[in-house]
C-alpha atoms as a PDB file:
ATOM      1  CA  MET A   1     129.723 113.937 -46.097  1.00  0.00           C
ATOM      2  CA  ILE A   2     133.013 112.599 -47.480  1.00  0.00           C
ATOM      3  CA  SER A   3     133.613 112.677 -51.220  1.00  0.00           C
ATOM      4  CA  ARG A   4     133.944 109.456 -53.170  1.00  0.00           C
ATOM      5  CA  ARG A   5     137.502 110.373 -54.199  1.00  0.00           C
ATOM      6  CA  THR A   6     138.591 110.976 -50.597  1.00  0.00           C
ATOM      7  CA  PHE A   7     136.922 107.763 -49.464  1.00  0.00           C
ATOM      8  CA  LEU A   8     138.701 105.731 -52.155  1.00  0.00           C
ATOM      9  CA  SER A   9     142.039 107.381 -51.321  1.00  0.00           C
ATOM     10  CA  ILE A  10     141.655 106.496 -47.644  1.00  0.00           C
ATOM     11  CA  LEU A  11     140.525 102.970 -48.501  1.00  0.00           C
ATOM     12  CA  PHE A  12     143.464 102.445 -50.860  1.00  0.00           C
ATOM     13  CA  ALA A  13     145.983 103.755 -48.318  1.00  0.00           C
ATOM     14  CA  SER A  14     144.468 101.515 -45.638  1.00  0.00           C
ATOM     15  CA  CYS A  15     144.722  98.460 -47.878  1.00  0.00           C
ATOM     16  CA  ILE A  16     148.357  99.197 -48.699  1.00  0.00           C
ATOM     17  CA  SER A  17     149.137  99.620 -45.010  1.00  0.00           C
ATOM     18  CA  LEU A  18     147.375  96.370 -44.163  1.00  0.00           C
ATOM     19  CA  ILE A  19     149.179  94.443 -46.887  1.00  0.00           C
ATOM     20  CA  SER A  20     152.584  95.751 -45.836  1.00  0.00           C
ATOM     21  CA  TRP A  21     151.756  95.011 -42.194  1.00  0.00           C
ATOM     22  CA  LEU A  22     150.724  91.442 -42.982  1.00  0.00           C
ATOM     23  CA  ASN A  23     153.796  91.018 -45.220  1.00  0.00           C
ATOM     24  CA  PHE A  24     152.418  88.759 -47.936  1.00  0.00           C
ATOM     25  CA  THR A  25     155.839  88.223 -49.504  1.00  0.00           C
ATOM     26  CA  PRO A  26     156.850  84.588 -49.240  1.00  0.00           C
ATOM     27  CA  ALA A  27     159.838  83.823 -47.087  1.00  0.00           C
ATOM     28  CA  ALA A  28     162.970  82.747 -48.921  1.00  0.00           C
ATOM     29  CA  ASP A  29     164.388  79.458 -47.779  1.00  0.00           C
ATOM     30  CA  ALA A  30     168.171  79.550 -47.868  1.00  0.00           C
ATOM     31  CA  LEU A  31     169.682  76.256 -48.888  1.00  0.00           C
ATOM     32  CA  GLY A  32     173.032  77.145 -47.418  1.00  0.00           C
ATOM     33  CA  GLY A  33     175.916  74.997 -48.489  1.00  0.00           C
ATOM     34  CA  LYS A  34     179.147  75.893 -50.194  1.00  0.00           C
ATOM     35  CA  LEU A  35     179.206  78.955 -52.433  1.00  0.00           C
ATOM     36  CA  PRO A  36     180.558  78.517 -55.960  1.00  0.00           C
ATOM     37  CA  ALA A  37     184.160  79.613 -56.438  1.00  0.00           C
ATOM     38  CA  ILE A  38     184.785  82.916 -58.207  1.00  0.00           C
ATOM     39  CA  ASN A  39     186.070  82.680 -61.805  1.00  0.00           C
ATOM     40  CA  GLN A  40     185.462  78.935 -61.907  1.00  0.00           C
ATOM     41  CA  PRO A  41     182.956  76.906 -63.924  1.00  0.00           C
ATOM     42  CA  ALA A  42     179.487  76.774 -62.398  1.00  0.00           C
ATOM     43  CA  PRO A  43     178.699  73.639 -60.417  1.00  0.00           C
ATOM     44  CA  GLU A  44     176.374  71.093 -62.030  1.00  0.00           C
ATOM     45  CA  PHE A  45     172.741  71.442 -60.942  1.00  0.00           C
ATOM     46  CA  THR A  46     169.251  70.318 -61.929  1.00  0.00           C
ATOM     47  CA  LEU A  47     166.118  72.387 -61.346  1.00  0.00           C
ATOM     48  CA  PRO A  48     162.416  72.041 -62.204  1.00  0.00           C
ATOM     49  CA  THR A  49     161.277  74.012 -65.242  1.00  0.00           C
ATOM     50  CA  ASN A  50     159.096  77.063 -64.776  1.00  0.00           C
ATOM     51  CA  THR A  51     156.198  75.221 -66.431  1.00  0.00           C
ATOM     52  CA  GLY A  52     156.499  72.289 -64.027  1.00  0.00           C
ATOM     53  CA  ASN A  53     156.640  69.663 -66.773  1.00  0.00           C
ATOM     54  CA  GLY A  54     160.181  68.432 -66.306  1.00  0.00           C
ATOM     55  CA  LYS A  55     163.645  69.345 -65.156  1.00  0.00           C
ATOM     56  CA  ILE A  56     166.606  71.054 -66.732  1.00  0.00           C
ATOM     57  CA  SER A  57     170.263  70.626 -65.905  1.00  0.00           C
ATOM     58  CA  LEU A  58     173.190  72.871 -66.547  1.00  0.00           C
ATOM     59  CA  SER A  59     174.720  70.097 -68.665  1.00  0.00           C
ATOM     60  CA  ASP A  60     171.633  70.256 -70.966  1.00  0.00           C
ATOM     61  CA  LEU A  61     172.714  73.753 -71.985  1.00  0.00           C
ATOM     62  CA  ARG A  62     176.387  73.064 -72.793  1.00  0.00           C
ATOM     63  CA  GLY A  63     177.427  74.679 -76.057  1.00  0.00           C
ATOM     64  CA  LYS A  64     174.604  77.240 -75.893  1.00  0.00           C
ATOM     65  CA  TRP A  65     174.734  80.843 -74.773  1.00  0.00           C
ATOM     66  CA  LEU A  66     173.702  81.119 -71.144  1.00  0.00           C
ATOM     67  CA  VAL A  67     173.731  83.854 -68.537  1.00  0.00           C
ATOM     68  CA  LEU A  68     173.999  82.394 -65.073  1.00  0.00           C
ATOM     69  CA  TYR A  69     174.112  84.686 -62.074  1.00  0.00           C
ATOM     70  CA  PHE A  70     174.539  83.712 -58.439  1.00  0.00           C
ATOM     71  CA  TYR A  71     173.317  85.921 -55.614  1.00  0.00           C
ATOM     72  CA  PRO A  72     175.619  84.861 -52.776  1.00  0.00           C
ATOM     73  CA  LYS A  73     174.204  87.395 -50.335  1.00  0.00           C
ATOM     74  CA  ASP A  74     170.689  85.977 -50.857  1.00  0.00           C
ATOM     75  CA  PHE A  75     171.837  82.366 -50.376  1.00  0.00           C
ATOM     76  CA  THR A  76     170.511  81.368 -53.777  1.00  0.00           C
END
């Protein structure tokens, strides 16, 4: 008879293998387009808020501290 600990270890490993095989990570959709120029002001953009109750634009944040990072190799 198999011990409960061994059974749970095998079950856990099987679940991890299944999840990685099914690849539940959502696919990233690259928007493409022109990359922003290096050492130049960021282009104007508007995005939905993370709460989904509106939008925010880069111009809304003028005069405030902001860290904006582009990942050009991820097409974001």
